[in-house]
Amino acid sequence: MSGVDYPFQFDGRGRTGMSSADEYIRELIEQVLLTAPGERVMRPTFGSGVRQLLFGAASPEVATATQYLVQSSLQQWLADLITVEAVEVQAREGELSVNVRYLDRRSQARATARVSLQGASS
């Protein structure tokens, strides 16, 4: 299984860019994490809302809330494609680093997706 590149782009021949199966899953995880609920008109509940936690104080509580939010969002939107095995979150001032260990249900391969969220620089 492969899919359309995210972000959308054209390949060298001027056609829609395509991702490999592994890249496609990672890109879907990134879309779920970076999309805020209400952002997509036809899917208003899609997304995780993780960016809202980015501007909170860097604390163990923020990291735990982010971990729960990421895990539940991925289970809601990608449960047919992956099994989330672990979510690790590191919260620093103005930055969240999220590592998602998952099992690809189709290939039975284990992989890790890393997403780093940063606030605007002053």
C-alpha atoms as a PDB file:
ATOM      1  CA  MET A   1       0.000   0.000   0.000  1.00  0.00           C
ATOM      2  CA  SER A   2       1.309   3.390  -0.917  1.00  0.00           C
ATOM      3  CA  GLY A   3      -0.371   6.749  -0.895  1.00  0.00           C
ATOM      4  CA  VAL A   4      -0.255  10.348  -1.970  1.00  0.00           C
ATOM      5  CA  ASP A   5       2.719  12.309  -0.576  1.00  0.00           C
ATOM      6  CA  TYR A   6       2.106  14.546   2.411  1.00  0.00           C
ATOM      7  CA  PRO A   7       2.494  17.401   2.036  1.00  0.00           C
ATOM      8  CA  PHE A   8       1.045  17.176  -1.453  1.00  0.00           C
ATOM      9  CA  GLN A   9       3.640  17.617  -4.177  1.00  0.00           C
ATOM     10  CA  PHE A  10       4.453  16.661  -7.734  1.00  0.00           C
ATOM     11  CA  ASP A  11       7.152  14.211  -8.763  1.00  0.00           C
ATOM     12  CA  GLY A  12       9.825  14.811 -11.397  1.00  0.00           C
ATOM     13  CA  ARG A  13       7.414  13.846 -14.192  1.00  0.00           C
ATOM     14  CA  GLY A  14       4.754  16.332 -13.117  1.00  0.00           C
ATOM     15  CA  ARG A  15       2.495  13.668 -11.623  1.00  0.00           C
ATOM     16  CA  THR A  16       1.138  13.447  -8.095  1.00  0.00           C
ATOM     17  CA  GLY A  17       3.952  12.401  -5.746  1.00  0.00           C
ATOM     18  CA  MET A  18       3.525   9.019  -4.099  1.00  0.00           C
ATOM     19  CA  SER A  19       4.945   7.656  -0.834  1.00  0.00           C
ATOM     20  CA  SER A  20       6.082   4.138  -0.040  1.00  0.00           C
ATOM     21  CA  ALA A  21       3.959   2.144   2.412  1.00  0.00           C
ATOM     22  CA  ASP A  22       6.277   2.992   5.350  1.00  0.00           C
ATOM     23  CA  GLU A  23       6.403   6.700   4.506  1.00  0.00           C
ATOM     24  CA  TYR A  24       2.632   6.773   4.009  1.00  0.00           C
ATOM     25  CA  ILE A  25       1.951   5.486   7.547  1.00  0.00           C
ATOM     26  CA  ARG A  26       4.404   7.997   9.048  1.00  0.00           C
ATOM     27  CA  GLU A  27       2.789  10.805   7.066  1.00  0.00           C
ATOM     28  CA  LEU A  28      -0.678   9.771   8.305  1.00  0.00           C
ATOM     29  CA  ILE A  29       0.577   9.844  11.909  1.00  0.00           C
ATOM     30  CA  GLU A  30       1.990  13.310  11.297  1.00  0.00           C
ATOM     31  CA  GLN A  31      -1.325  14.481   9.832  1.00  0.00           C
ATOM     32  CA  VAL A  32      -3.279  13.263  12.866  1.00  0.00           C
ATOM     33  CA  LEU A  33      -0.857  14.937  15.279  1.00  0.00           C
ATOM     34  CA  LEU A  34      -0.529  18.253  13.447  1.00  0.00           C
ATOM     35  CA  THR A  35      -4.200  18.751  12.579  1.00  0.00           C
ATOM     36  CA  ALA A  36      -6.414  20.550  15.086  1.00  0.00           C
ATOM     37  CA  PRO A  37     -10.021  19.389  15.507  1.00  0.00           C
ATOM     38  CA  GLY A  38     -12.239  21.725  13.514  1.00  0.00           C
ATOM     39  CA  GLU A  39      -9.529  22.450  10.958  1.00  0.00           C
ATOM     40  CA  ARG A  40     -10.956  20.145   8.273  1.00  0.00           C
ATOM     41  CA  VAL A  41     -14.365  21.147   6.972  1.00  0.00           C
ATOM     42  CA  MET A  42     -15.571  17.691   5.953  1.00  0.00           C
ATOM     43  CA  ARG A  43     -14.055  15.973   9.027  1.00  0.00           C
ATOM     44  CA  PRO A  44     -14.440  18.430  11.892  1.00  0.00           C
ATOM     45  CA  THR A  45     -13.438  15.922  14.594  1.00  0.00           C
ATOM     46  CA  PHE A  46     -10.253  14.782  12.816  1.00  0.00           C
ATOM     47  CA  GLY A  47      -6.954  15.560  14.522  1.00  0.00           C
ATOM     48  CA  SER A  48      -5.472  15.556  17.982  1.00  0.00           C
ATOM     49  CA  GLY A  49      -5.192  19.101  19.311  1.00  0.00           C
ATOM     50  CA  VAL A  50      -1.613  18.471  20.455  1.00  0.00           C
ATOM     51  CA  ARG A  51      -0.499  21.931  19.339  1.00  0.00           C
ATOM     52  CA  GLN A  52      -2.698  23.467  22.060  1.00  0.00           C
ATOM     53  CA  LEU A  53      -0.518  21.794  24.684  1.00  0.00           C
ATOM     54  CA  LEU A  54       2.649  23.202  23.152  1.00  0.00           C
ATOM     55  CA  PHE A  55       2.264  26.571  24.864  1.00  0.00           C
ATOM     56  CA  GLY A  56       1.625  25.160  28.319  1.00  0.00           C
ATOM     57  CA  ALA A  57       4.392  25.004  30.873  1.00  0.00           C
ATOM     58  CA  ALA A  58       6.950  22.283  30.200  1.00  0.00           C
ATOM     59  CA  SER A  59       6.053  19.807  32.908  1.00  0.00           C
ATOM     60  CA  PRO A  60       5.455  16.107  33.505  1.00  0.00           C
ATOM     61  CA  GLU A  61       1.712  16.825  33.495  1.00  0.00           C
ATOM     62  CA  VAL A  62       1.854  18.323  29.982  1.00  0.00           C
ATOM     63  CA  ALA A  63       3.905  15.349  28.780  1.00  0.00           C
ATOM     64  CA  THR A  64       1.395  12.901  30.253  1.00  0.00           C
ATOM     65  CA  ALA A  65      -1.595  14.756  28.786  1.00  0.00           C
ATOM     66  CA  THR A  66       0.135  14.804  25.394  1.00  0.00           C
ATOM     67  CA  GLN A  67       0.890  11.099  25.611  1.00  0.00           C
ATOM     68  CA  TYR A  68      -2.754  10.271  26.349  1.00  0.00           C
ATOM     69  CA  LEU A  69      -4.026  12.623  23.629  1.00  0.00           C
ATOM     70  CA  VAL A  70      -1.666  11.202  20.980  1.00  0.00           C
ATOM     71  CA  GLN A  71      -2.472   7.596  21.818  1.00  0.00           C
ATOM     72  CA  SER A  72      -6.245   8.103  21.809  1.00  0.00           C
ATOM     73  CA  SER A  73      -6.202  10.150  18.580  1.00  0.00           C
ATOM     74  CA  LEU A  74      -4.099   7.582  16.738  1.00  0.00           C
ATOM     75  CA  GLN A  75      -6.327   4.762  17.954  1.00  0.00           C
ATOM     76  CA  GLN A  76      -9.411   6.657  16.812  1.00  0.00           C
ATOM     77  CA  TRP A  77      -8.162   7.568  13.329  1.00  0.00           C
ATOM     78  CA  LEU A  78      -5.589   4.943  12.363  1.00  0.00           C
ATOM     79  CA  ALA A  79      -6.638   1.783  14.232  1.00  0.00           C
ATOM     80  CA  ASP A  80      -7.305  -0.046  10.970  1.00  0.00           C
ATOM     81  CA  LEU A  81      -3.686   0.557   9.844  1.00  0.00           C
ATOM     82  CA  ILE A  82      -1.541   0.509  12.996  1.00  0.00           C
ATOM     83  CA  THR A  83      -1.418  -0.740  16.561  1.00  0.00           C
ATOM     84  CA  VAL A  84       0.133   1.875  18.839  1.00  0.00           C
ATOM     85  CA  GLU A  85       2.605   0.130  21.142  1.00  0.00           C
ATOM     86  CA  ALA A  86       4.070   3.117  22.970  1.00  0.00           C
ATOM     87  CA  VAL A  87       4.020   6.898  22.968  1.00  0.00           C
ATOM     88  CA  GLU A  88       6.912   8.792  24.510  1.00  0.00           C
ATOM     89  CA  VAL A  89       6.717  12.549  24.977  1.00  0.00           C
ATOM     90  CA  GLN A  90       9.369  15.012  26.050  1.00  0.00           C
ATOM     91  CA  ALA A  91       8.167  18.494  26.951  1.00  0.00           C
ATOM     92  CA  ARG A  92      10.623  21.366  26.935  1.00  0.00           C
ATOM     93  CA  GLU A  93       9.861  25.072  26.971  1.00  0.00           C
ATOM     94  CA  GLY A  94       8.221  25.795  23.605  1.00  0.00           C
ATOM     95  CA  GLU A  95       8.806  22.291  22.186  1.00  0.00           C
ATOM     96  CA  LEU A  96       7.200  18.860  22.334  1.00  0.00           C
ATOM     97  CA  SER A  97       8.961  15.791  20.962  1.00  0.00           C
ATOM     98  CA  VAL A  98       6.661  12.833  20.327  1.00  0.00           C
ATOM     99  CA  ASN A  99       7.908   9.321  19.512  1.00  0.00           C
ATOM    100  CA  VAL A 100       5.285   6.787  18.483  1.00  0.00           C
ATOM    101  CA  ARG A 101       6.227   3.101  18.362  1.00  0.00           C
ATOM    102  CA  TYR A 102       3.709   1.154  16.342  1.00  0.00           C
ATOM    103  CA  LEU A 103       3.003  -2.095  14.534  1.00  0.00           C
ATOM    104  CA  ASP A 104       1.933  -1.848  10.895  1.00  0.00           C
ATOM    105  CA  ARG A 105      -1.061  -4.189  10.760  1.00  0.00           C
ATOM    106  CA  ARG A 106      -0.580  -5.117   7.095  1.00  0.00           C
ATOM    107  CA  SER A 107       3.135  -5.899   7.040  1.00  0.00           C
ATOM    108  CA  GLN A 108       3.447  -6.773  10.760  1.00  0.00           C
ATOM    109  CA  ALA A 109       6.568  -4.558  10.837  1.00  0.00           C
ATOM    110  CA  ARG A 110       7.403  -2.460  13.879  1.00  0.00           C
ATOM    111  CA  ALA A 111       8.455   1.139  13.345  1.00  0.00           C
ATOM    112  CA  THR A 112       8.825   4.472  15.107  1.00  0.00           C
ATOM    113  CA  ALA A 113       7.517   7.848  13.976  1.00  0.00           C
ATOM    114  CA  ARG A 114       9.050  11.006  15.430  1.00  0.00           C
ATOM    115  CA  VAL A 115       7.240  14.325  15.365  1.00  0.00           C
ATOM    116  CA  SER A 116       8.653  17.505  16.844  1.00  0.00           C
ATOM    117  CA  LEU A 117       6.328  20.424  17.555  1.00  0.00           C
ATOM    118  CA  GLN A 118       7.807  23.858  18.139  1.00  0.00           C
ATOM    119  CA  GLY A 119       6.225  27.116  19.133  1.00  0.00           C
ATOM    120  CA  ALA A 120       6.820  30.350  17.244  1.00  0.00           C
ATOM    121  CA  SER A 121      10.178  31.983  17.930  1.00  0.00           C
ATOM    122  CA  SER A 122      10.174  35.406  19.497  1.00  0.00           C
END
